[in-house]
Amino acid sequence: MCDAEEDMFFKGRPEQLYEHLACPRTRMMFTTEEGAGAHCHPGVRRLSITRIYDWRDDTLAAGA
């Protein structure tokens, strides 16, 4: 679950959904300090994609 610190469209929604999930889950917070606090992390696309793909790789490797 990706969440942006200063998301102006879905503030608080990712956390609500995360809390309701009954499956294995990860909450990935993107902060203003790292330049990724806005909705969809537009200022740091490389950072968000890198973190998401690293999470995917780690998750798939753990299941293998």
PDB file of N, CA and C in Angstrom:
ATOM      1  N   MET A   1       0.843  -1.149   0.000  1.00  0.00           N
ATOM      2  CA  MET A   1       0.000   0.000   0.000  1.00  0.00           C
ATOM      3  C   MET A   1       0.898   1.224   0.000  1.00  0.00           C
ATOM      4  N   CYS A   2       0.800   2.035  -1.019  1.00  0.00           N
ATOM      5  CA  CYS A   2       1.574   3.277  -1.094  1.00  0.00           C
ATOM      6  C   CYS A   2       0.756   4.414  -0.480  1.00  0.00           C
ATOM      7  N   ASP A   3       1.428   5.257   0.268  1.00  0.00           N
ATOM      8  CA  ASP A   3       0.772   6.377   0.923  1.00  0.00           C
ATOM      9  C   ASP A   3       1.709   7.578   0.858  1.00  0.00           C
ATOM     10  N   ALA A   4       1.163   8.732   0.497  1.00  0.00           N
ATOM     11  CA  ALA A   4       1.954   9.961   0.413  1.00  0.00           C
ATOM     12  C   ALA A   4       1.590  10.869   1.586  1.00  0.00           C
ATOM     13  N   GLU A   5       2.592  11.394   2.216  1.00  0.00           N
ATOM     14  CA  GLU A   5       2.439  12.203   3.422  1.00  0.00           C
ATOM     15  C   GLU A   5       1.479  13.383   3.244  1.00  0.00           C
ATOM     16  N   GLU A   6       1.510  14.028   2.097  1.00  0.00           N
ATOM     17  CA  GLU A   6       0.665  15.202   1.870  1.00  0.00           C
ATOM     18  C   GLU A   6      -0.312  14.998   0.710  1.00  0.00           C
ATOM     19  N   ASP A   7      -0.821  13.793   0.561  1.00  0.00           N
ATOM     20  CA  ASP A   7      -1.762  13.505  -0.524  1.00  0.00           C
ATOM     21  C   ASP A   7      -3.007  14.368  -0.372  1.00  0.00           C
ATOM     22  N   MET A   8      -3.303  15.192  -1.390  1.00  0.00           N
ATOM     23  CA  MET A   8      -4.441  16.107  -1.302  1.00  0.00           C
ATOM     24  C   MET A   8      -5.744  15.479  -1.784  1.00  0.00           C
ATOM     25  N   PHE A   9      -5.679  14.304  -2.391  1.00  0.00           N
ATOM     26  CA  PHE A   9      -6.883  13.677  -2.924  1.00  0.00           C
ATOM     27  C   PHE A   9      -7.396  12.533  -2.052  1.00  0.00           C
ATOM     28  N   PHE A  10      -6.496  11.712  -1.535  1.00  0.00           N
ATOM     29  CA  PHE A  10      -6.899  10.520  -0.789  1.00  0.00           C
ATOM     30  C   PHE A  10      -6.325  10.488   0.625  1.00  0.00           C
ATOM     31  N   LYS A  11      -6.150  11.633   1.238  1.00  0.00           N
ATOM     32  CA  LYS A  11      -5.552  11.724   2.581  1.00  0.00           C
ATOM     33  C   LYS A  11      -6.262  10.766   3.544  1.00  0.00           C
ATOM     34  N   GLY A  12      -5.506   9.861   4.133  1.00  0.00           N
ATOM     35  CA  GLY A  12      -6.030   8.916   5.114  1.00  0.00           C
ATOM     36  C   GLY A  12      -6.646   7.660   4.538  1.00  0.00           C
ATOM     37  N   ARG A  13      -6.970   7.655   3.271  1.00  0.00           N
ATOM     38  CA  ARG A  13      -7.625   6.488   2.661  1.00  0.00           C
ATOM     39  C   ARG A  13      -6.706   5.262   2.578  1.00  0.00           C
ATOM     40  N   PRO A  14      -5.435   5.434   2.147  1.00  0.00           N
ATOM     41  CA  PRO A  14      -4.569   4.253   2.100  1.00  0.00           C
ATOM     42  C   PRO A  14      -4.443   3.575   3.465  1.00  0.00           C
ATOM     43  N   GLU A  15      -4.347   4.359   4.521  1.00  0.00           N
ATOM     44  CA  GLU A  15      -4.243   3.785   5.873  1.00  0.00           C
ATOM     45  C   GLU A  15      -5.512   3.020   6.238  1.00  0.00           C
ATOM     46  N   GLN A  16      -6.675   3.570   5.897  1.00  0.00           N
ATOM     47  CA  GLN A  16      -7.943   2.891   6.174  1.00  0.00           C
ATOM     48  C   GLN A  16      -8.009   1.554   5.451  1.00  0.00           C
ATOM     49  N   LEU A  17      -7.663   1.551   4.174  1.00  0.00           N
ATOM     50  CA  LEU A  17      -7.681   0.310   3.413  1.00  0.00           C
ATOM     51  C   LEU A  17      -6.677  -0.685   3.975  1.00  0.00           C
ATOM     52  N   TYR A  18      -5.483  -0.216   4.291  1.00  0.00           N
ATOM     53  CA  TYR A  18      -4.446  -1.074   4.854  1.00  0.00           C
ATOM     54  C   TYR A  18      -4.940  -1.771   6.121  1.00  0.00           C
ATOM     55  N   GLU A  19      -5.607  -1.025   6.987  1.00  0.00           N
ATOM     56  CA  GLU A  19      -6.106  -1.594   8.245  1.00  0.00           C
ATOM     57  C   GLU A  19      -7.192  -2.643   8.018  1.00  0.00           C
ATOM     58  N   HIS A  20      -7.924  -2.550   6.940  1.00  0.00           N
ATOM     59  CA  HIS A  20      -9.003  -3.497   6.662  1.00  0.00           C
ATOM     60  C   HIS A  20      -8.541  -4.758   5.934  1.00  0.00           C
ATOM     61  N   LEU A  21      -7.356  -4.728   5.367  1.00  0.00           N
ATOM     62  CA  LEU A  21      -6.863  -5.902   4.657  1.00  0.00           C
ATOM     63  C   LEU A  21      -6.562  -7.030   5.636  1.00  0.00           C
ATOM     64  N   ALA A  22      -6.996  -8.222   5.292  1.00  0.00           N
ATOM     65  CA  ALA A  22      -6.767  -9.385   6.156  1.00  0.00           C
ATOM     66  C   ALA A  22      -5.691 -10.306   5.579  1.00  0.00           C
ATOM     67  N   CYS A  23      -4.945  -9.825   4.618  1.00  0.00           N
ATOM     68  CA  CYS A  23      -3.905 -10.613   3.965  1.00  0.00           C
ATOM     69  C   CYS A  23      -2.538 -10.028   4.331  1.00  0.00           C
ATOM     70  N   PRO A  24      -1.455 -10.716   3.988  1.00  0.00           N
ATOM     71  CA  PRO A  24      -0.142 -10.111   4.207  1.00  0.00           C
ATOM     72  C   PRO A  24      -0.077  -8.775   3.473  1.00  0.00           C
ATOM     73  N   ARG A  25       0.507  -7.768   4.126  1.00  0.00           N
ATOM     74  CA  ARG A  25       0.492  -6.434   3.539  1.00  0.00           C
ATOM     75  C   ARG A  25       1.721  -5.642   3.963  1.00  0.00           C
ATOM     76  N   THR A  26       2.012  -4.619   3.180  1.00  0.00           N
ATOM     77  CA  THR A  26       3.104  -3.696   3.476  1.00  0.00           C
ATOM     78  C   THR A  26       2.595  -2.298   3.199  1.00  0.00           C
ATOM     79  N   ARG A  27       2.891  -1.380   4.102  1.00  0.00           N
ATOM     80  CA  ARG A  27       2.528   0.025   3.879  1.00  0.00           C
ATOM     81  C   ARG A  27       3.808   0.787   3.587  1.00  0.00           C
ATOM     82  N   MET A  28       3.857   1.421   2.424  1.00  0.00           N
ATOM     83  CA  MET A  28       5.032   2.139   1.973  1.00  0.00           C
ATOM     84  C   MET A  28       4.719   3.638   2.016  1.00  0.00           C
ATOM     85  N   MET A  29       5.325   4.338   2.982  1.00  0.00           N
ATOM     86  CA  MET A  29       5.079   5.766   3.148  1.00  0.00           C
ATOM     87  C   MET A  29       6.104   6.564   2.354  1.00  0.00           C
ATOM     88  N   PHE A  30       5.612   7.524   1.593  1.00  0.00           N
ATOM     89  CA  PHE A  30       6.464   8.448   0.849  1.00  0.00           C
ATOM     90  C   PHE A  30       6.360   9.805   1.534  1.00  0.00           C
ATOM     91  N   THR A  31       7.497  10.405   1.867  1.00  0.00           N
ATOM     92  CA  THR A  31       7.504  11.619   2.669  1.00  0.00           C
ATOM     93  C   THR A  31       7.819  12.873   1.861  1.00  0.00           C
ATOM     94  N   THR A  32       7.420  13.985   2.430  1.00  0.00           N
ATOM     95  CA  THR A  32       7.717  15.285   1.836  1.00  0.00           C
ATOM     96  C   THR A  32       9.214  15.551   1.876  1.00  0.00           C
ATOM     97  N   GLU A  33       9.864  15.135   2.946  1.00  0.00           N
ATOM     98  CA  GLU A  33      11.305  15.335   3.104  1.00  0.00           C
ATOM     99  C   GLU A  33      12.100  14.724   1.955  1.00  0.00           C
ATOM    100  N   GLU A  34      11.659  13.561   1.472  1.00  0.00           N
ATOM    101  CA  GLU A  34      12.365  12.929   0.361  1.00  0.00           C
ATOM    102  C   GLU A  34      11.829  13.406  -0.994  1.00  0.00           C
ATOM    103  N   GLY A  35      10.903  14.356  -0.967  1.00  0.00           N
ATOM    104  CA  GLY A  35      10.354  14.925  -2.191  1.00  0.00           C
ATOM    105  C   GLY A  35       9.221  14.119  -2.785  1.00  0.00           C
ATOM    106  N   ALA A  36       8.658  13.216  -1.995  1.00  0.00           N
ATOM    107  CA  ALA A  36       7.650  12.295  -2.518  1.00  0.00           C
ATOM    108  C   ALA A  36       6.336  12.363  -1.755  1.00  0.00           C
ATOM    109  N   GLY A  37       6.057  13.485  -1.122  1.00  0.00           N
ATOM    110  CA  GLY A  37       4.870  13.567  -0.290  1.00  0.00           C
ATOM    111  C   GLY A  37       3.574  13.859  -1.003  1.00  0.00           C
ATOM    112  N   ALA A  38       3.618  14.192  -2.292  1.00  0.00           N
ATOM    113  CA  ALA A  38       2.409  14.547  -3.033  1.00  0.00           C
ATOM    114  C   ALA A  38       1.745  13.314  -3.644  1.00  0.00           C
ATOM    115  N   HIS A  39       0.483  13.465  -4.010  1.00  0.00           N
ATOM    116  CA  HIS A  39      -0.287  12.396  -4.645  1.00  0.00           C
ATOM    117  C   HIS A  39       0.465  11.855  -5.861  1.00  0.00           C
ATOM    118  N   CYS A  40       0.624  10.565  -5.950  1.00  0.00           N
ATOM    119  CA  CYS A  40       1.336   9.870  -7.050  1.00  0.00           C
ATOM    120  C   CYS A  40       2.829  10.194  -7.117  1.00  0.00           C
ATOM    121  N   HIS A  41       3.374  10.872  -6.116  1.00  0.00           N
ATOM    122  CA  HIS A  41       4.817  11.095  -5.997  1.00  0.00           C
ATOM    123  C   HIS A  41       5.424  11.683  -7.274  1.00  0.00           C
ATOM    124  N   PRO A  42       4.851  12.748  -7.857  1.00  0.00           N
ATOM    125  CA  PRO A  42       5.299  13.231  -9.164  1.00  0.00           C
ATOM    126  C   PRO A  42       6.728  13.744  -9.219  1.00  0.00           C
ATOM    127  N   GLY A  43       7.242  14.266  -8.121  1.00  0.00           N
ATOM    128  CA  GLY A  43       8.586  14.838  -8.151  1.00  0.00           C
ATOM    129  C   GLY A  43       9.696  13.810  -8.087  1.00  0.00           C
ATOM    130  N   VAL A  44       9.371  12.604  -7.734  1.00  0.00           N
ATOM    131  CA  VAL A  44      10.403  11.576  -7.566  1.00  0.00           C
ATOM    132  C   VAL A  44       9.940  10.233  -8.130  1.00  0.00           C
ATOM    133  N   ARG A  45       9.564  10.261  -9.371  1.00  0.00           N
ATOM    134  CA  ARG A  45       9.056   9.045 -10.019  1.00  0.00           C
ATOM    135  C   ARG A  45      10.061   7.900  -9.917  1.00  0.00           C
ATOM    136  N   ARG A  46      11.348   8.197 -10.097  1.00  0.00           N
ATOM    137  CA  ARG A  46      12.361   7.127 -10.013  1.00  0.00           C
ATOM    138  C   ARG A  46      12.393   6.501  -8.628  1.00  0.00           C
ATOM    139  N   LEU A  47      12.296   7.328  -7.589  1.00  0.00           N
ATOM    140  CA  LEU A  47      12.297   6.792  -6.225  1.00  0.00           C
ATOM    141  C   LEU A  47      11.100   5.878  -6.000  1.00  0.00           C
ATOM    142  N   SER A  48       9.913   6.328  -6.387  1.00  0.00           N
ATOM    143  CA  SER A  48       8.723   5.509  -6.142  1.00  0.00           C
ATOM    144  C   SER A  48       8.772   4.203  -6.927  1.00  0.00           C
ATOM    145  N   ILE A  49       9.164   4.265  -8.184  1.00  0.00           N
ATOM    146  CA  ILE A  49       9.258   3.041  -8.983  1.00  0.00           C
ATOM    147  C   ILE A  49      10.320   2.102  -8.413  1.00  0.00           C
ATOM    148  N   THR A  50      11.449   2.658  -7.998  1.00  0.00           N
ATOM    149  CA  THR A  50      12.518   1.832  -7.413  1.00  0.00           C
ATOM    150  C   THR A  50      12.026   1.131  -6.154  1.00  0.00           C
ATOM    151  N   ARG A  51      11.379   1.866  -5.272  1.00  0.00           N
ATOM    152  CA  ARG A  51      10.895   1.260  -4.025  1.00  0.00           C
ATOM    153  C   ARG A  51       9.832   0.203  -4.282  1.00  0.00           C
ATOM    154  N   ILE A  52       8.930   0.479  -5.222  1.00  0.00           N
ATOM    155  CA  ILE A  52       7.867  -0.478  -5.542  1.00  0.00           C
ATOM    156  C   ILE A  52       8.455  -1.743  -6.160  1.00  0.00           C
ATOM    157  N   TYR A  53       9.375  -1.605  -7.106  1.00  0.00           N
ATOM    158  CA  TYR A  53       9.986  -2.785  -7.724  1.00  0.00           C
ATOM    159  C   TYR A  53      10.876  -3.543  -6.744  1.00  0.00           C
ATOM    160  N   ASP A  54      11.576  -2.846  -5.872  1.00  0.00           N
ATOM    161  CA  ASP A  54      12.375  -3.534  -4.839  1.00  0.00           C
ATOM    162  C   ASP A  54      11.468  -4.346  -3.928  1.00  0.00           C
ATOM    163  N   TRP A  55      10.327  -3.763  -3.540  1.00  0.00           N
ATOM    164  CA  TRP A  55       9.362  -4.488  -2.701  1.00  0.00           C
ATOM    165  C   TRP A  55       8.875  -5.734  -3.430  1.00  0.00           C
ATOM    166  N   ARG A  56       8.531  -5.559  -4.704  1.00  0.00           N
ATOM    167  CA  ARG A  56       8.051  -6.709  -5.494  1.00  0.00           C
ATOM    168  C   ARG A  56       9.104  -7.804  -5.575  1.00  0.00           C
ATOM    169  N   ASP A  57      10.350  -7.427  -5.874  1.00  0.00           N
ATOM    170  CA  ASP A  57      11.421  -8.411  -5.968  1.00  0.00           C
ATOM    171  C   ASP A  57      11.632  -9.142  -4.646  1.00  0.00           C
ATOM    172  N   ASP A  58      11.645  -8.396  -3.537  1.00  0.00           N
ATOM    173  CA  ASP A  58      11.819  -9.013  -2.212  1.00  0.00           C
ATOM    174  C   ASP A  58      10.659  -9.938  -1.878  1.00  0.00           C
ATOM    175  N   THR A  59       9.442  -9.511  -2.209  1.00  0.00           N
ATOM    176  CA  THR A  59       8.262 -10.310  -1.909  1.00  0.00           C
ATOM    177  C   THR A  59       8.244 -11.605  -2.716  1.00  0.00           C
ATOM    178  N   LEU A  60       8.570 -11.510  -3.995  1.00  0.00           N
ATOM    179  CA  LEU A  60       8.618 -12.704  -4.836  1.00  0.00           C
ATOM    180  C   LEU A  60       9.744 -13.655  -4.416  1.00  0.00           C
ATOM    181  N   ALA A  61      10.894 -13.081  -4.036  1.00  0.00           N
ATOM    182  CA  ALA A  61      12.026 -13.911  -3.607  1.00  0.00           C
ATOM    183  C   ALA A  61      11.705 -14.653  -2.311  1.00  0.00           C
ATOM    184  N   ALA A  62      10.965 -14.015  -1.422  1.00  0.00           N
ATOM    185  CA  ALA A  62      10.604 -14.641  -0.143  1.00  0.00           C
ATOM    186  C   ALA A  62       9.642 -15.799  -0.342  1.00  0.00           C
ATOM    187  N   GLY A  63       8.837 -15.731  -1.395  1.00  0.00           N
ATOM    188  CA  GLY A  63       7.869 -16.792  -1.664  1.00  0.00           C
ATOM    189  C   GLY A  63       8.432 -17.951  -2.461  1.00  0.00           C
ATOM    190  N   ALA A  64       9.648 -17.778  -2.980  1.00  0.00           N
ATOM    191  CA  ALA A  64      10.236 -18.832  -3.832  1.00  0.00           C
ATOM    192  C   ALA A  64      10.840 -19.950  -3.029  1.00  0.00           C
TER     193      ALA A  64
END
